[in-house]
Amino acid sequence: MSQPELFPPAPGRIGTDESGKGDYFGPLVAAGFYLDDGQEAVVRELGVRDSKTLSDRRCREIAAELRSAYPHSIVTIGPEKYNDLYAKMRNLNRLLAWGHARVIENILERVPCGRAVTDQFGDAKFVLDALLKKGRTIELVQRPRGEEDAAVAAASILARAEFLTRLEALGRDWDMDLPKGAGPPVEQAAVAFVRKNGPAALTRVAKTHFKTTVRVLKAV
């Protein structure tokens, strides 16, 4: 007869998502959110849904409520660290997997959860390989349109709110407006940044493996 588990998994799931991977300026942020099975209706009532459908202001408001009431973890990889890790890994999916694995591990330190759901961004093996001993005991589910899951949607809100905060702080540090995204306004801002601070400083504010860097340096 099998023995019952000493610490059975909590009846809920961890959702993870990231923000900043498509933004030239600013960090990459991974977030994890633990959602108890009985709390889905509550977080939906708070307004939790895919963060891309929310205004920046509303995203920050909901994130503040989530941070104050639910187990979560946020890992921020600033531009300099991001560029260093990317140079070593040479693969964005592996870098994303590292961030997702860290937030899962951090939440498992607080909640003995048995399941994690992530938005699908590559081979699930990347995340599994990045998990440490505790994380390798969970069931990992990667699903397309992961933000349809309330736990993943909550994580996406936490990640985006943190990204916005860090991007604004970076702009204040350099006394420049650093726009979101990777379009023409971003390139114009990057050209102005390099003219003011020199090309070497780009590694401190931007993800320099983007093709944007080539165009910016050529324009300068």
Protein backbone atom coordinates (compact mmCIF):
# COMPACT_ATOMS: atom_id res chain seq x y z
CA MET A 1 0.00 0.00 0.00
CA SER A 2 1.47 3.35 -1.05
CA GLN A 3 2.07 5.98 1.60
CA PRO A 4 0.31 9.36 1.31
CA GLU A 5 2.50 12.29 0.38
CA LEU A 6 3.84 14.17 3.39
CA PHE A 7 3.21 17.50 1.66
CA PRO A 8 0.63 16.93 -1.10
CA PRO A 9 0.58 19.48 -3.94
CA ALA A 10 -1.60 22.53 -3.37
CA PRO A 11 -4.84 22.44 -5.40
CA GLY A 12 -3.97 25.17 -7.85
CA ARG A 13 -1.51 26.08 -10.58
CA ILE A 14 1.32 28.44 -11.35
CA GLY A 15 0.98 30.57 -14.47
CA THR A 16 4.01 32.23 -16.06
CA ASP A 17 4.51 34.82 -18.77
CA GLU A 18 7.01 37.46 -19.81
CA SER A 19 7.16 41.04 -21.04
CA GLY A 20 9.77 43.01 -22.94
CA LYS A 21 10.99 40.35 -25.36
CA GLY A 22 9.82 42.40 -28.36
CA ASP A 23 10.89 45.75 -26.93
CA TYR A 24 14.27 47.13 -27.98
CA PHE A 25 14.67 49.27 -24.88
CA GLY A 26 14.33 47.98 -21.35
CA PRO A 27 14.56 44.66 -19.56
CA LEU A 28 13.09 41.23 -20.10
CA VAL A 29 10.70 40.46 -17.26
CA ALA A 30 9.37 37.01 -16.34
CA ALA A 31 6.54 36.66 -13.84
CA GLY A 32 4.87 33.74 -12.11
CA PHE A 33 1.51 33.76 -10.34
CA TYR A 34 -0.02 31.07 -8.14
CA LEU A 35 -3.78 30.72 -8.57
CA ASP A 36 -5.71 28.54 -6.16
CA ASP A 37 -8.51 26.55 -7.79
CA GLY A 38 -11.14 28.51 -5.89
CA GLN A 39 -9.84 31.96 -6.90
CA GLU A 40 -10.34 32.09 -10.67
CA ALA A 41 -13.66 33.94 -10.53
CA VAL A 42 -12.17 36.42 -8.05
CA VAL A 43 -9.21 37.38 -10.25
CA ARG A 44 -11.45 37.57 -13.31
CA GLU A 45 -13.64 40.00 -11.36
CA LEU A 46 -10.51 42.10 -10.70
CA GLY A 47 -10.16 42.45 -14.45
CA VAL A 48 -7.50 39.83 -15.10
CA ARG A 49 -7.13 39.05 -18.80
CA ASP A 50 -4.38 39.15 -21.40
CA SER A 51 -2.29 42.21 -20.50
CA LYS A 52 -2.07 43.22 -24.17
CA THR A 53 -5.78 44.11 -24.01
CA LEU A 54 -5.30 46.49 -21.05
CA SER A 55 -4.12 50.07 -20.91
CA ASP A 56 -0.82 50.72 -19.13
CA ARG A 57 -2.66 52.44 -16.27
CA ARG A 58 -5.16 49.62 -15.80
CA CYS A 59 -2.41 47.02 -16.03
CA ARG A 60 -0.56 48.68 -13.16
CA GLU A 61 -3.70 48.98 -11.05
CA ILE A 62 -4.53 45.29 -11.37
CA ALA A 63 -0.89 44.29 -10.82
CA ALA A 64 -0.83 46.19 -7.52
CA GLU A 65 -3.86 44.24 -6.30
CA LEU A 66 -2.41 40.92 -7.42
CA ARG A 67 0.95 41.58 -5.76
CA SER A 68 -0.71 42.41 -2.45
CA ALA A 69 -2.92 39.32 -2.27
CA TYR A 70 -1.41 36.34 -4.11
CA PRO A 71 1.84 34.33 -4.14
CA HIS A 72 3.91 35.49 -7.09
CA SER A 73 7.45 36.00 -8.33
CA ILE A 74 8.97 38.53 -10.71
CA VAL A 75 12.43 38.14 -12.24
CA THR A 76 13.86 41.10 -14.15
CA ILE A 77 16.80 40.74 -16.51
CA GLY A 78 18.13 44.23 -17.14
CA PRO A 79 19.61 45.15 -20.55
CA GLU A 80 23.26 44.64 -19.57
CA LYS A 81 22.59 41.22 -18.02
CA TYR A 82 20.28 40.32 -20.90
CA ASN A 83 22.98 41.11 -23.48
CA ASP A 84 25.52 39.09 -21.50
CA LEU A 85 23.21 36.06 -21.20
CA TYR A 86 22.17 36.27 -24.85
CA ALA A 87 25.81 36.33 -25.93
CA LYS A 88 26.34 33.09 -24.00
CA MET A 89 23.10 31.30 -24.92
CA ARG A 90 22.61 32.66 -28.47
CA ASN A 91 18.97 31.61 -28.23
CA LEU A 92 16.09 33.77 -27.03
CA ASN A 93 13.92 30.76 -26.16
CA ARG A 94 16.58 29.41 -23.82
CA LEU A 95 16.80 32.81 -22.14
CA LEU A 96 13.01 32.94 -21.78
CA ALA A 97 13.01 29.41 -20.38
CA TRP A 98 15.59 30.43 -17.78
CA GLY A 99 13.35 33.28 -16.61
CA HIS A 100 10.20 31.15 -16.53
CA ALA A 101 12.00 28.40 -14.61
CA ARG A 102 13.28 30.85 -11.99
CA VAL A 103 9.82 32.26 -11.18
CA ILE A 104 8.38 28.74 -10.95
CA GLU A 105 11.14 27.74 -8.55
CA ASN A 106 10.63 30.87 -6.45
CA ILE A 107 6.90 30.21 -6.03
CA LEU A 108 7.51 26.54 -5.20
CA GLU A 109 9.56 27.75 -2.24
CA ARG A 110 6.28 29.11 -0.84
CA VAL A 111 3.56 26.88 -2.30
CA PRO A 112 3.94 23.11 -2.96
CA CYS A 113 2.13 23.33 -6.27
CA GLY A 114 1.94 20.37 -8.64
CA ARG A 115 1.26 22.11 -11.95
CA ALA A 116 2.57 25.04 -13.97
CA VAL A 117 1.15 26.55 -17.16
CA THR A 118 3.24 28.73 -19.47
CA ASP A 119 2.52 30.53 -22.70
CA GLN A 120 4.08 28.53 -25.51
CA PHE A 121 7.25 30.14 -26.85
CA GLY A 122 9.41 27.16 -27.81
CA ASP A 123 10.23 23.57 -26.93
CA ALA A 124 8.90 22.76 -23.43
CA LYS A 125 12.17 20.92 -22.90
CA PHE A 126 13.92 24.29 -22.58
CA VAL A 127 11.93 25.11 -19.44
CA LEU A 128 12.21 21.59 -18.03
CA ASP A 129 15.98 21.65 -18.50
CA ALA A 130 16.20 25.02 -16.73
CA LEU A 131 14.21 23.87 -13.69
CA LEU A 132 16.08 22.84 -10.59
CA LYS A 133 15.34 19.83 -8.36
CA LYS A 134 12.12 21.16 -6.82
CA GLY A 135 10.69 22.32 -10.15
CA ARG A 136 11.25 18.99 -11.87
CA THR A 137 8.54 17.38 -9.75
CA ILE A 138 5.74 19.44 -11.29
CA GLU A 139 3.60 18.89 -14.36
CA LEU A 140 4.55 21.54 -16.93
CA VAL A 141 2.00 22.54 -19.56
CA GLN A 142 2.88 24.86 -22.44
CA ARG A 143 -0.10 26.06 -24.42
CA PRO A 144 -0.62 28.46 -27.32
CA ARG A 145 -2.60 31.58 -26.35
CA GLY A 146 -1.63 30.81 -22.77
CA GLU A 147 -3.15 34.10 -21.56
CA GLU A 148 -6.58 32.48 -21.92
CA ASP A 149 -5.65 30.72 -18.67
CA ALA A 150 -6.35 33.04 -15.72
CA ALA A 151 -3.08 32.21 -13.96
CA VAL A 152 -1.04 33.00 -17.09
CA ALA A 153 -3.06 36.17 -17.70
CA ALA A 154 -2.31 37.33 -14.15
CA ALA A 155 1.38 36.61 -14.70
CA SER A 156 1.30 38.60 -17.95
CA ILE A 157 -0.12 41.60 -16.07
CA LEU A 158 2.56 41.39 -13.37
CA ALA A 159 5.31 41.11 -15.99
CA ARG A 160 4.06 44.01 -18.09
CA ALA A 161 3.54 46.31 -15.11
CA GLU A 162 7.10 45.63 -13.94
CA PHE A 163 8.46 46.17 -17.44
CA LEU A 164 6.72 49.56 -17.68
CA THR A 165 8.09 50.62 -14.29
CA ARG A 166 11.64 49.57 -15.15
CA LEU A 167 11.54 51.17 -18.60
CA GLU A 168 10.42 54.50 -17.15
CA ALA A 169 13.14 54.32 -14.47
CA LEU A 170 15.76 53.62 -17.15
CA GLY A 171 14.59 56.67 -19.09
CA ARG A 172 14.89 58.83 -15.98
CA ASP A 173 18.40 57.50 -15.31
CA TRP A 174 19.50 58.57 -18.78
CA ASP A 175 17.31 61.69 -18.97
CA MET A 176 15.68 60.46 -22.19
CA ASP A 177 12.35 59.10 -23.35
CA LEU A 178 12.80 55.40 -24.16
CA PRO A 179 9.71 54.26 -26.09
CA LYS A 180 8.15 50.80 -26.02
CA GLY A 181 8.31 48.43 -28.97
CA ALA A 182 10.76 48.34 -31.85
CA GLY A 183 9.28 50.61 -34.54
CA PRO A 184 10.41 53.93 -36.10
CA PRO A 185 9.94 56.01 -32.91
CA VAL A 186 12.22 53.58 -31.09
CA GLU A 187 14.89 53.81 -33.77
CA GLN A 188 14.72 57.61 -33.68
CA ALA A 189 15.12 57.56 -29.90
CA ALA A 190 18.04 55.12 -30.19
CA VAL A 191 19.81 57.35 -32.71
CA ALA A 192 19.38 60.31 -30.35
CA PHE A 193 20.63 58.19 -27.44
CA VAL A 194 23.80 57.13 -29.29
CA ARG A 195 24.54 60.69 -30.40
CA LYS A 196 24.25 61.81 -26.80
CA ASN A 197 25.90 58.90 -24.97
CA GLY A 198 27.97 56.99 -27.53
CA PRO A 199 27.36 53.55 -29.07
CA ALA A 200 28.89 51.59 -26.17
CA ALA A 201 26.12 52.84 -23.87
CA LEU A 202 23.46 51.04 -25.92
CA THR A 203 24.23 47.80 -24.07
CA ARG A 204 23.00 49.47 -20.88
CA VAL A 205 19.54 50.35 -22.18
CA ALA A 206 18.76 48.11 -25.18
CA LYS A 207 18.72 44.52 -26.38
CA THR A 208 21.55 44.91 -28.82
CA HIS A 209 21.06 41.69 -30.80
CA PHE A 210 17.98 43.27 -32.40
CA LYS A 211 18.50 44.30 -36.03
CA THR A 212 17.53 47.77 -34.82
CA THR A 213 21.10 48.19 -33.55
CA VAL A 214 22.60 47.81 -37.03
CA ARG A 215 20.24 50.42 -38.48
CA VAL A 216 20.83 52.82 -35.59
CA LEU A 217 24.61 52.64 -35.79
CA LYS A 218 24.49 53.06 -39.55
CA ALA A 219 22.26 56.15 -39.17
CA VAL A 220 24.59 57.66 -36.61
